[in-house]
Amino acid sequence: MTAKATQIQGVWVNPRYRGQGLAAGYMSAVVNHALSFAPVASLYVNDYNTAAIRSYERVGFRQIGTFATILF
């Protein structure tokens, strides 16, 4: 977190509760809290995680870039 942006990490829904439409509401609450500290909230999501991407888009997130992780 900085004065300019917060980064949301560790987003996860118990598999037992997935597919019930809960994620967007929960994420919305987290985003609203994050925005009380800085004007921008960001996160990273794997491109294959289409369910998560849809939830984030429902809350208002939009893709602004693409990153790659390189492991040694």
PDB file of N, CA and C in Angstrom:
ATOM      1  N   MET A   1       0.846  -1.166   0.000  1.00  0.00           N
ATOM      2  CA  MET A   1       0.000   0.000   0.000  1.00  0.00           C
ATOM      3  C   MET A   1       0.892   1.230   0.000  1.00  0.00           C
ATOM      4  N   THR A   2       0.507   2.180  -0.810  1.00  0.00           N
ATOM      5  CA  THR A   2       1.133   3.494  -0.799  1.00  0.00           C
ATOM      6  C   THR A   2       0.005   4.524  -0.733  1.00  0.00           C
ATOM      7  N   ALA A   3       0.362   5.772  -0.706  1.00  0.00           N
ATOM      8  CA  ALA A   3      -0.652   6.825  -0.722  1.00  0.00           C
ATOM      9  C   ALA A   3      -1.384   6.865  -2.063  1.00  0.00           C
ATOM     10  N   LYS A   4      -0.777   6.280  -3.098  1.00  0.00           N
ATOM     11  CA  LYS A   4      -1.364   6.315  -4.434  1.00  0.00           C
ATOM     12  C   LYS A   4      -2.155   5.061  -4.797  1.00  0.00           C
ATOM     13  N   ALA A   5      -1.815   3.914  -4.200  1.00  0.00           N
ATOM     14  CA  ALA A   5      -2.481   2.665  -4.601  1.00  0.00           C
ATOM     15  C   ALA A   5      -2.363   1.595  -3.521  1.00  0.00           C
ATOM     16  N   THR A   6      -3.342   0.722  -3.512  1.00  0.00           N
ATOM     17  CA  THR A   6      -3.289  -0.494  -2.700  1.00  0.00           C
ATOM     18  C   THR A   6      -3.283  -1.680  -3.645  1.00  0.00           C
ATOM     19  N   GLN A   7      -2.673  -2.769  -3.198  1.00  0.00           N
ATOM     20  CA  GLN A   7      -2.695  -3.994  -3.992  1.00  0.00           C
ATOM     21  C   GLN A   7      -3.378  -5.080  -3.173  1.00  0.00           C
ATOM     22  N   ILE A   8      -4.383  -5.684  -3.758  1.00  0.00           N
ATOM     23  CA  ILE A   8      -5.138  -6.749  -3.102  1.00  0.00           C
ATOM     24  C   ILE A   8      -4.471  -8.067  -3.453  1.00  0.00           C
ATOM     25  N   GLN A   9      -4.210  -8.883  -2.425  1.00  0.00           N
ATOM     26  CA  GLN A   9      -3.512 -10.154  -2.633  1.00  0.00           C
ATOM     27  C   GLN A   9      -4.206 -11.257  -1.844  1.00  0.00           C
ATOM     28  N   GLY A  10      -3.957 -12.477  -2.253  1.00  0.00           N
ATOM     29  CA  GLY A  10      -4.435 -13.638  -1.503  1.00  0.00           C
ATOM     30  C   GLY A  10      -5.932 -13.847  -1.581  1.00  0.00           C
ATOM     31  N   VAL A  11      -6.539 -13.496  -2.715  1.00  0.00           N
ATOM     32  CA  VAL A  11      -7.980 -13.662  -2.878  1.00  0.00           C
ATOM     33  C   VAL A  11      -8.280 -15.142  -3.085  1.00  0.00           C
ATOM     34  N   TRP A  12      -9.244 -15.643  -2.332  1.00  0.00           N
ATOM     35  CA  TRP A  12      -9.541 -17.075  -2.390  1.00  0.00           C
ATOM     36  C   TRP A  12     -10.925 -17.312  -1.816  1.00  0.00           C
ATOM     37  N   VAL A  13     -11.685 -18.193  -2.425  1.00  0.00           N
ATOM     38  CA  VAL A  13     -12.984 -18.618  -1.905  1.00  0.00           C
ATOM     39  C   VAL A  13     -12.920 -20.127  -1.694  1.00  0.00           C
ATOM     40  N   ASN A  14     -13.334 -20.566  -0.534  1.00  0.00           N
ATOM     41  CA  ASN A  14     -13.375 -21.986  -0.222  1.00  0.00           C
ATOM     42  C   ASN A  14     -14.130 -22.713  -1.339  1.00  0.00           C
ATOM     43  N   PRO A  15     -13.552 -23.785  -1.869  1.00  0.00           N
ATOM     44  CA  PRO A  15     -14.217 -24.514  -2.966  1.00  0.00           C
ATOM     45  C   PRO A  15     -15.665 -24.903  -2.658  1.00  0.00           C
ATOM     46  N   ARG A  16     -15.975 -25.125  -1.418  1.00  0.00           N
ATOM     47  CA  ARG A  16     -17.338 -25.494  -1.017  1.00  0.00           C
ATOM     48  C   ARG A  16     -18.348 -24.399  -1.393  1.00  0.00           C
ATOM     49  N   TYR A  17     -17.890 -23.133  -1.424  1.00  0.00           N
ATOM     50  CA  TYR A  17     -18.791 -22.006  -1.660  1.00  0.00           C
ATOM     51  C   TYR A  17     -18.640 -21.370  -3.034  1.00  0.00           C
ATOM     52  N   ARG A  18     -17.781 -21.935  -3.870  1.00  0.00           N
ATOM     53  CA  ARG A  18     -17.602 -21.389  -5.215  1.00  0.00           C
ATOM     54  C   ARG A  18     -18.831 -21.648  -6.077  1.00  0.00           C
ATOM     55  N   GLY A  19     -19.037 -20.779  -7.047  1.00  0.00           N
ATOM     56  CA  GLY A  19     -20.152 -20.937  -7.964  1.00  0.00           C
ATOM     57  C   GLY A  19     -21.489 -20.464  -7.417  1.00  0.00           C
ATOM     58  N   GLN A  20     -21.482 -19.807  -6.260  1.00  0.00           N
ATOM     59  CA  GLN A  20     -22.725 -19.332  -5.648  1.00  0.00           C
ATOM     60  C   GLN A  20     -22.905 -17.829  -5.803  1.00  0.00           C
ATOM     61  N   GLY A  21     -22.002 -17.177  -6.542  1.00  0.00           N
ATOM     62  CA  GLY A  21     -22.125 -15.739  -6.758  1.00  0.00           C
ATOM     63  C   GLY A  21     -21.696 -14.887  -5.581  1.00  0.00           C
ATOM     64  N   LEU A  22     -20.903 -15.430  -4.683  1.00  0.00           N
ATOM     65  CA  LEU A  22     -20.492 -14.705  -3.487  1.00  0.00           C
ATOM     66  C   LEU A  22     -19.269 -13.809  -3.705  1.00  0.00           C
ATOM     67  N   ALA A  23     -18.390 -14.187  -4.601  1.00  0.00           N
ATOM     68  CA  ALA A  23     -17.085 -13.533  -4.727  1.00  0.00           C
ATOM     69  C   ALA A  23     -17.185 -12.048  -5.046  1.00  0.00           C
ATOM     70  N   ALA A  24     -18.058 -11.665  -5.955  1.00  0.00           N
ATOM     71  CA  ALA A  24     -18.137 -10.259  -6.357  1.00  0.00           C
ATOM     72  C   ALA A  24     -18.539  -9.366  -5.183  1.00  0.00           C
ATOM     73  N   GLY A  25     -19.477  -9.798  -4.400  1.00  0.00           N
ATOM     74  CA  GLY A  25     -19.888  -9.014  -3.229  1.00  0.00           C
ATOM     75  C   GLY A  25     -18.780  -8.886  -2.208  1.00  0.00           C
ATOM     76  N   TYR A  26     -18.094  -9.977  -1.954  1.00  0.00           N
ATOM     77  CA  TYR A  26     -16.975  -9.942  -1.011  1.00  0.00           C
ATOM     78  C   TYR A  26     -15.858  -9.053  -1.542  1.00  0.00           C
ATOM     79  N   MET A  27     -15.557  -9.197  -2.831  1.00  0.00           N
ATOM     80  CA  MET A  27     -14.499  -8.385  -3.423  1.00  0.00           C
ATOM     81  C   MET A  27     -14.874  -6.910  -3.397  1.00  0.00           C
ATOM     82  N   SER A  28     -16.125  -6.610  -3.638  1.00  0.00           N
ATOM     83  CA  SER A  28     -16.578  -5.228  -3.592  1.00  0.00           C
ATOM     84  C   SER A  28     -16.314  -4.613  -2.216  1.00  0.00           C
ATOM     85  N   ALA A  29     -16.575  -5.356  -1.164  1.00  0.00           N
ATOM     86  CA  ALA A  29     -16.321  -4.863   0.192  1.00  0.00           C
ATOM     87  C   ALA A  29     -14.833  -4.626   0.416  1.00  0.00           C
ATOM     88  N   VAL A  30     -13.994  -5.531  -0.067  1.00  0.00           N
ATOM     89  CA  VAL A  30     -12.548  -5.375   0.072  1.00  0.00           C
ATOM     90  C   VAL A  30     -12.070  -4.149  -0.704  1.00  0.00           C
ATOM     91  N   VAL A  31     -12.565  -3.981  -1.921  1.00  0.00           N
ATOM     92  CA  VAL A  31     -12.169  -2.832  -2.746  1.00  0.00           C
ATOM     93  C   VAL A  31     -12.588  -1.528  -2.073  1.00  0.00           C
ATOM     94  N   ASN A  32     -13.805  -1.466  -1.577  1.00  0.00           N
ATOM     95  CA  ASN A  32     -14.253  -0.247  -0.901  1.00  0.00           C
ATOM     96  C   ASN A  32     -13.362   0.076   0.281  1.00  0.00           C
ATOM     97  N   HIS A  33     -12.969  -0.923   1.032  1.00  0.00           N
ATOM     98  CA  HIS A  33     -12.066  -0.698   2.162  1.00  0.00           C
ATOM     99  C   HIS A  33     -10.701  -0.211   1.665  1.00  0.00           C
ATOM    100  N   ALA A  34     -10.171  -0.863   0.625  1.00  0.00           N
ATOM    101  CA  ALA A  34      -8.870  -0.473   0.077  1.00  0.00           C
ATOM    102  C   ALA A  34      -8.900   0.968  -0.422  1.00  0.00           C
ATOM    103  N   LEU A  35      -9.997   1.367  -1.040  1.00  0.00           N
ATOM    104  CA  LEU A  35     -10.099   2.722  -1.582  1.00  0.00           C
ATOM    105  C   LEU A  35     -10.216   3.786  -0.495  1.00  0.00           C
ATOM    106  N   SER A  36     -10.453   3.373   0.738  1.00  0.00           N
ATOM    107  CA  SER A  36     -10.457   4.343   1.833  1.00  0.00           C
ATOM    108  C   SER A  36      -9.031   4.752   2.207  1.00  0.00           C
ATOM    109  N   PHE A  37      -8.039   4.029   1.706  1.00  0.00           N
ATOM    110  CA  PHE A  37      -6.636   4.321   1.983  1.00  0.00           C
ATOM    111  C   PHE A  37      -5.914   4.981   0.814  1.00  0.00           C
ATOM    112  N   ALA A  38      -6.343   4.697  -0.407  1.00  0.00           N
ATOM    113  CA  ALA A  38      -5.673   5.213  -1.607  1.00  0.00           C
ATOM    114  C   ALA A  38      -6.698   5.253  -2.743  1.00  0.00           C
ATOM    115  N   PRO A  39      -6.456   6.088  -3.744  1.00  0.00           N
ATOM    116  CA  PRO A  39      -7.442   6.248  -4.819  1.00  0.00           C
ATOM    117  C   PRO A  39      -7.483   5.111  -5.849  1.00  0.00           C
ATOM    118  N   VAL A  40      -6.529   4.189  -5.794  1.00  0.00           N
ATOM    119  CA  VAL A  40      -6.460   3.096  -6.769  1.00  0.00           C
ATOM    120  C   VAL A  40      -6.310   1.772  -6.028  1.00  0.00           C
ATOM    121  N   ALA A  41      -7.049   0.766  -6.465  1.00  0.00           N
ATOM    122  CA  ALA A  41      -6.881  -0.601  -5.963  1.00  0.00           C
ATOM    123  C   ALA A  41      -6.465  -1.467  -7.146  1.00  0.00           C
ATOM    124  N   SER A  42      -5.476  -2.332  -6.945  1.00  0.00           N
ATOM    125  CA  SER A  42      -5.008  -3.195  -8.028  1.00  0.00           C
ATOM    126  C   SER A  42      -4.880  -4.621  -7.535  1.00  0.00           C
ATOM    127  N   LEU A  43      -4.789  -5.538  -8.490  1.00  0.00           N
ATOM    128  CA  LEU A  43      -4.536  -6.941  -8.179  1.00  0.00           C
ATOM    129  C   LEU A  43      -3.990  -7.631  -9.411  1.00  0.00           C
ATOM    130  N   TYR A  44      -3.442  -8.789  -9.214  1.00  0.00           N
ATOM    131  CA  TYR A  44      -2.973  -9.635 -10.300  1.00  0.00           C
ATOM    132  C   TYR A  44      -3.840 -10.884 -10.321  1.00  0.00           C
ATOM    133  N   VAL A  45      -4.116 -11.388 -11.520  1.00  0.00           N
ATOM    134  CA  VAL A  45      -4.889 -12.623 -11.658  1.00  0.00           C
ATOM    135  C   VAL A  45      -4.320 -13.406 -12.835  1.00  0.00           C
ATOM    136  N   ASN A  46      -4.275 -14.705 -12.687  1.00  0.00           N
ATOM    137  CA  ASN A  46      -3.806 -15.559 -13.781  1.00  0.00           C
ATOM    138  C   ASN A  46      -4.817 -15.530 -14.921  1.00  0.00           C
ATOM    139  N   ASP A  47      -4.317 -15.466 -16.151  1.00  0.00           N
ATOM    140  CA  ASP A  47      -5.202 -15.341 -17.314  1.00  0.00           C
ATOM    141  C   ASP A  47      -6.110 -16.552 -17.503  1.00  0.00           C
ATOM    142  N   TYR A  48      -5.754 -17.699 -16.946  1.00  0.00           N
ATOM    143  CA  TYR A  48      -6.588 -18.897 -17.068  1.00  0.00           C
ATOM    144  C   TYR A  48      -7.698 -18.954 -16.018  1.00  0.00           C
ATOM    145  N   ASN A  49      -7.679 -18.039 -15.054  1.00  0.00           N
ATOM    146  CA  ASN A  49      -8.667 -18.051 -13.977  1.00  0.00           C
ATOM    147  C   ASN A  49      -9.876 -17.200 -14.388  1.00  0.00           C
ATOM    148  N   THR A  50     -10.623 -17.723 -15.347  1.00  0.00           N
ATOM    149  CA  THR A  50     -11.723 -16.948 -15.929  1.00  0.00           C
ATOM    150  C   THR A  50     -12.831 -16.633 -14.930  1.00  0.00           C
ATOM    151  N   ALA A  51     -13.082 -17.512 -13.989  1.00  0.00           N
ATOM    152  CA  ALA A  51     -14.116 -17.237 -12.984  1.00  0.00           C
ATOM    153  C   ALA A  51     -13.728 -16.029 -12.136  1.00  0.00           C
ATOM    154  N   ALA A  52     -12.475 -15.965 -11.725  1.00  0.00           N
ATOM    155  CA  ALA A  52     -12.010 -14.826 -10.929  1.00  0.00           C
ATOM    156  C   ALA A  52     -12.049 -13.548 -11.759  1.00  0.00           C
ATOM    157  N   ILE A  53     -11.629 -13.632 -12.997  1.00  0.00           N
ATOM    158  CA  ILE A  53     -11.636 -12.447 -13.865  1.00  0.00           C
ATOM    159  C   ILE A  53     -13.050 -11.904 -13.994  1.00  0.00           C
ATOM    160  N   ARG A  54     -14.026 -12.768 -14.186  1.00  0.00           N
ATOM    161  CA  ARG A  54     -15.419 -12.317 -14.284  1.00  0.00           C
ATOM    162  C   ARG A  54     -15.867 -11.620 -12.997  1.00  0.00           C
ATOM    163  N   SER A  55     -15.490 -12.169 -11.846  1.00  0.00           N
ATOM    164  CA  SER A  55     -15.853 -11.538 -10.567  1.00  0.00           C
ATOM    165  C   SER A  55     -15.224 -10.162 -10.440  1.00  0.00           C
ATOM    166  N   TYR A  56     -13.954 -10.062 -10.806  1.00  0.00           N
ATOM    167  CA  TYR A  56     -13.264  -8.772 -10.707  1.00  0.00           C
ATOM    168  C   TYR A  56     -13.876  -7.756 -11.669  1.00  0.00           C
ATOM    169  N   GLU A  57     -14.244  -8.198 -12.853  1.00  0.00           N
ATOM    170  CA  GLU A  57     -14.878  -7.293 -13.816  1.00  0.00           C
ATOM    171  C   GLU A  57     -16.234  -6.806 -13.302  1.00  0.00           C
ATOM    172  N   ARG A  58     -16.977  -7.652 -12.612  1.00  0.00           N
ATOM    173  CA  ARG A  58     -18.268  -7.246 -12.046  1.00  0.00           C
ATOM    174  C   ARG A  58     -18.108  -6.124 -11.035  1.00  0.00           C
ATOM    175  N   VAL A  59     -16.972  -6.122 -10.340  1.00  0.00           N
ATOM    176  CA  VAL A  59     -16.700  -5.103  -9.331  1.00  0.00           C
ATOM    177  C   VAL A  59     -16.192  -3.813  -9.976  1.00  0.00           C
ATOM    178  N   GLY A  60     -15.694  -3.905 -11.203  1.00  0.00           N
ATOM    179  CA  GLY A  60     -15.216  -2.715 -11.894  1.00  0.00           C
ATOM    180  C   GLY A  60     -13.759  -2.739 -12.299  1.00  0.00           C
ATOM    181  N   PHE A  61     -13.051  -3.828 -11.980  1.00  0.00           N
ATOM    182  CA  PHE A  61     -11.662  -3.930 -12.419  1.00  0.00           C
ATOM    183  C   PHE A  61     -11.599  -4.066 -13.932  1.00  0.00           C
ATOM    184  N   ARG A  62     -10.529  -3.561 -14.506  1.00  0.00           N
ATOM    185  CA  ARG A  62     -10.279  -3.724 -15.930  1.00  0.00           C
ATOM    186  C   ARG A  62      -8.794  -4.008 -16.112  1.00  0.00           C
ATOM    187  N   GLN A  63      -8.477  -4.761 -17.118  1.00  0.00           N
ATOM    188  CA  GLN A  63      -7.074  -5.120 -17.387  1.00  0.00           C
ATOM    189  C   GLN A  63      -6.363  -3.923 -17.990  1.00  0.00           C
ATOM    190  N   ILE A  64      -5.185  -3.602 -17.425  1.00  0.00           N
ATOM    191  CA  ILE A  64      -4.398  -2.500 -17.975  1.00  0.00           C
ATOM    192  C   ILE A  64      -3.004  -2.954 -18.405  1.00  0.00           C
ATOM    193  N   GLY A  65      -2.674  -4.214 -18.159  1.00  0.00           N
ATOM    194  CA  GLY A  65      -1.365  -4.706 -18.559  1.00  0.00           C
ATOM    195  C   GLY A  65      -1.279  -6.212 -18.432  1.00  0.00           C
ATOM    196  N   THR A  66      -0.172  -6.747 -18.897  1.00  0.00           N
ATOM    197  CA  THR A  66       0.097  -8.179 -18.836  1.00  0.00           C
ATOM    198  C   THR A  66       1.487  -8.377 -18.274  1.00  0.00           C
ATOM    199  N   PHE A  67       1.626  -9.295 -17.329  1.00  0.00           N
ATOM    200  CA  PHE A  67       2.907  -9.585 -16.718  1.00  0.00           C
ATOM    201  C   PHE A  67       3.191 -11.076 -16.797  1.00  0.00           C
ATOM    202  N   ALA A  68       4.448 -11.414 -16.720  1.00  0.00           N
ATOM    203  CA  ALA A  68       4.858 -12.820 -16.714  1.00  0.00           C
ATOM    204  C   ALA A  68       5.731 -13.071 -15.483  1.00  0.00           C
ATOM    205  N   THR A  69       5.599 -14.244 -14.925  1.00  0.00           N
ATOM    206  CA  THR A  69       6.443 -14.653 -13.805  1.00  0.00           C
ATOM    207  C   THR A  69       7.494 -15.611 -14.349  1.00  0.00           C
ATOM    208  N   ILE A  70       8.728 -15.366 -13.977  1.00  0.00           N
ATOM    209  CA  ILE A  70       9.828 -16.237 -14.396  1.00  0.00           C
ATOM    210  C   ILE A  70      10.408 -16.874 -13.152  1.00  0.00           C
ATOM    211  N   LEU A  71      10.436 -18.182 -13.130  1.00  0.00           N
ATOM    212  CA  LEU A  71      10.959 -18.924 -11.975  1.00  0.00           C
ATOM    213  C   LEU A  71      12.311 -19.528 -12.325  1.00  0.00           C
ATOM    214  N   PHE A  72      13.209 -19.541 -11.376  1.00  0.00           N
ATOM    215  CA  PHE A  72      14.530 -20.143 -11.555  1.00  0.00           C
ATOM    216  C   PHE A  72      14.624 -21.415 -10.759  1.00  0.00           C
TER     217      PHE A  72
END
